Protein backbone atom coordinates (compact mmCIF):
# COMPACT_ATOMS: atom_id res chain seq x y z
CA MET A 1 122.06 13.21 -154.50
CA ILE A 2 123.51 12.27 -151.16
CA MET A 3 120.69 11.65 -148.53
CA PRO A 4 120.78 13.64 -145.42
CA ARG A 5 121.72 11.69 -142.31
CA GLY A 6 118.99 9.75 -140.65
CA GLN A 7 116.51 9.80 -143.61
CA PRO A 8 115.52 6.49 -145.04
CA LEU A 9 115.78 5.71 -148.73
CA LEU A 10 112.42 6.18 -150.49
CA LEU A 11 110.98 4.07 -153.19
CA PRO A 12 110.03 5.75 -156.49
CA VAL A 13 106.74 7.50 -156.37
CA ASN A 14 103.86 5.94 -158.31
CA PRO A 15 102.76 8.41 -161.02
CA VAL A 16 99.17 7.21 -160.52
CA PHE A 17 99.29 8.00 -156.85
CA MET A 18 100.74 11.44 -157.48
CA GLY A 19 98.20 12.21 -160.19
CA ALA A 20 95.35 10.97 -157.98
CA SER A 21 96.45 13.23 -155.14
CA LEU A 22 96.54 16.22 -157.39
CA ILE A 23 93.08 15.51 -158.87
CA ALA A 24 91.78 14.92 -155.24
CA ALA A 25 93.18 18.36 -154.21
CA LEU A 26 91.56 19.89 -157.21
CA ALA A 27 88.24 18.29 -156.39
CA ILE A 28 88.45 19.44 -152.69
CA ASN A 29 89.32 22.96 -153.90
CA MET A 30 86.20 23.04 -156.19
CA LEU A 31 83.81 22.32 -153.32
CA PRO A 32 81.21 25.11 -153.04
CA LEU A 33 82.32 26.54 -149.71
CA GLY A 34 81.36 30.13 -150.49
CA ARG A 35 83.82 33.00 -150.02
CA VAL A 36 85.73 31.66 -147.08
CA VAL A 37 89.19 33.34 -147.52
CA TRP A 38 90.97 31.72 -144.66
CA LEU A 39 90.77 28.17 -146.00
CA PRO A 40 94.02 26.71 -147.31
CA ASP A 41 94.44 26.20 -151.01
CA LEU A 42 95.14 22.42 -151.09
CA MET A 43 96.08 22.44 -154.77
CA MET A 44 98.71 25.04 -154.02
CA LEU A 45 100.01 22.93 -151.16
CA LEU A 46 100.15 19.73 -153.16
CA LEU A 47 101.72 21.45 -156.14
CA ALA A 48 104.49 22.79 -153.85
CA PHE A 49 104.99 19.46 -152.21
CA TRP A 50 105.31 17.49 -155.47
CA SER A 51 107.32 20.16 -157.00
CA VAL A 52 109.87 19.73 -154.14
CA HIS A 53 109.83 16.03 -154.13
CA GLN A 54 109.23 15.24 -157.84
CA PRO A 55 110.41 18.31 -159.86
CA GLN A 56 110.85 16.20 -163.07
CA ARG A 57 107.13 15.27 -162.92
CA VAL A 58 105.37 18.31 -161.62
CA GLY A 59 106.47 21.48 -163.40
CA MET A 60 105.05 24.90 -164.25
CA GLY A 61 103.02 23.52 -167.22
CA LEU A 62 101.00 21.28 -164.95
CA ALA A 63 100.69 24.17 -162.45
CA PHE A 64 99.40 26.46 -165.20
CA ILE A 65 96.78 23.85 -166.24
CA PHE A 66 95.54 23.32 -162.70
CA GLY A 67 95.53 27.10 -162.22
CA LEU A 68 93.31 27.58 -165.36
CA CYS A 69 91.00 24.86 -163.97
CA MET A 70 90.75 26.80 -160.67
CA ASP A 71 90.12 30.12 -162.53
CA VAL A 72 87.21 28.64 -164.45
CA GLN A 73 85.76 27.04 -161.33
CA HIS A 74 86.00 30.11 -159.16
CA SER A 75 84.98 32.56 -162.05
CA ALA A 76 88.22 34.42 -161.34
CA LEU A 77 90.29 36.41 -163.70
CA LEU A 78 91.53 33.93 -166.34
CA GLY A 79 95.13 33.19 -165.40
CA GLN A 80 95.05 34.41 -161.73
CA HIS A 81 95.51 31.00 -160.12
CA ALA A 82 97.76 29.98 -162.96
CA LEU A 83 100.11 32.87 -162.32
CA VAL A 84 100.18 32.28 -158.57
CA TYR A 85 100.76 28.47 -158.97
CA CYS A 86 103.61 29.13 -161.43
CA LEU A 87 105.18 31.65 -159.18
CA LEU A 88 104.94 29.30 -156.26
CA LEU A 89 106.52 26.47 -158.18
CA PHE A 90 109.33 28.87 -159.34
CA GLY A 91 110.01 29.61 -155.62
CA THR A 92 110.04 25.94 -154.66
CA ASN A 93 112.46 25.18 -157.40
CA LEU A 94 114.72 27.85 -155.93
CA VAL A 95 114.76 26.35 -152.45
CA ARG A 96 114.13 22.70 -153.20
CA ARG A 97 117.58 21.28 -152.69
CA ARG A 98 118.23 23.17 -149.44
CA LEU A 99 114.73 22.45 -148.23
CA LEU A 100 115.13 18.58 -148.29
CA TRP A 101 118.08 18.73 -145.77
CA PHE A 102 115.69 20.04 -143.01
CA SER A 103 113.19 18.45 -140.75
CA LEU A 104 109.43 18.79 -141.53
CA PRO A 105 108.86 21.54 -139.05
CA VAL A 106 111.78 23.61 -140.44
CA GLN A 107 110.66 22.92 -143.90
CA ALA A 108 107.16 24.31 -143.06
CA LEU A 109 108.79 27.43 -141.73
CA GLN A 110 110.75 27.90 -144.92
CA MET A 111 107.60 27.36 -147.05
CA LEU A 112 105.69 29.90 -145.06
CA PRO A 113 107.15 32.92 -146.96
CA LEU A 114 106.47 31.30 -150.21
CA PHE A 115 102.81 30.67 -149.25
CA PHE A 116 102.42 34.30 -148.01
CA LEU A 117 103.98 35.58 -151.33
CA ALA A 118 101.66 33.44 -153.39
CA HIS A 119 98.53 34.69 -151.50
CA ALA A 120 99.83 38.33 -151.74
CA VAL A 121 100.17 37.97 -155.52
CA ALA A 122 96.63 36.52 -155.69
CA LEU A 123 95.36 39.44 -153.56
CA VAL A 124 97.01 42.10 -155.73
CA VAL A 125 95.64 40.52 -158.92
CA ARG A 126 92.20 40.42 -157.47
CA LEU A 127 92.39 44.12 -156.29
CA ILE A 128 93.71 45.19 -159.67
CA GLY A 129 90.76 43.25 -161.30
CA GLY A 130 88.35 45.32 -159.21
CA ASP A 131 87.50 42.96 -156.51
CA ASP A 132 86.90 44.09 -152.94
CA PHE A 133 89.47 43.59 -150.15
CA PRO A 134 88.51 40.30 -148.49
CA GLY A 135 89.67 41.25 -145.06
CA TRP A 136 92.69 40.40 -142.97
CA THR A 137 91.47 36.86 -142.25
CA MET A 138 93.01 35.82 -145.54
CA ALA A 139 96.38 35.92 -143.83
CA ILE A 140 95.35 32.85 -141.84
CA ALA A 141 95.42 30.63 -145.10
CA PRO A 142 99.25 30.68 -145.50
CA LEU A 143 99.66 29.84 -141.85
CA VAL A 144 97.28 26.86 -142.18
CA GLU A 145 99.15 25.68 -145.32
CA ALA A 146 102.46 25.89 -143.55
CA LEU A 147 100.99 23.92 -140.59
CA LEU A 148 99.62 21.35 -142.99
CA TRP A 149 102.99 20.81 -144.68
CA PRO A 150 104.35 18.21 -142.15
CA LEU A 151 100.98 16.32 -142.25
CA ILE A 152 100.80 16.32 -146.09
CA SER A 153 104.47 15.31 -146.23
CA GLY A 154 103.85 12.39 -143.89
CA LEU A 155 100.75 11.10 -145.73
CA LEU A 156 102.07 11.50 -149.26
CA LEU A 157 105.63 10.00 -148.56
CA ALA A 158 104.11 7.04 -146.56
CA PRO A 159 103.66 4.87 -149.63
CA GLN A 160 107.30 5.34 -150.61
CA ARG A 161 108.75 4.36 -147.22
CA ARG A 162 107.56 0.81 -147.26
CA ALA A 163 110.05 -1.96 -148.23
CA PRO A 164 109.62 -3.40 -151.65
CA ASP A 165 109.82 -6.99 -150.29
CA ALA A 166 109.17 -7.37 -146.57
CA ASP A 167 112.03 -9.30 -144.97
CA GLU A 168 113.05 -9.41 -141.31
CA ASN A 169 116.86 -9.78 -142.16
CA ARG A 170 117.06 -6.65 -144.47
CA PRO A 171 117.37 -3.26 -142.68
CA LEU A 172 115.65 -1.34 -145.49
């Protein structure tokens, strides 16, 4: 793939780092914070990020497994989070090639509808399952996830931006 103008070449991602970031997001999502509906779903955010940047390593199977883990933890309908995560990864696979050509704020704007759609599907599944409407404050979560997109991108791509061998004479 031809790199967009002005973007540095990235080193290959360390699979251990990628797995550790996903496990950390799963652990943060499993914290007992009660029923705060406006908090962002970090697992959803990191799955979308790694699906955009490493689609050969993070796919729908992994999203399905992490979704089932979230369902068991939250005592939700079995498959609710799995469905949402798989739909989100399907959406990110559709826009992935185009998304990488834009700056981080524009990427966040383009990811915002996908996050809204994922939360809307989760809401519909919860309502069909007999749960109560959580309130309109749940619309804040996709906004926070889109605002976190540039921060997460900067943090997770930082280890790939370093030079393999530091040298003052080499421009990379």
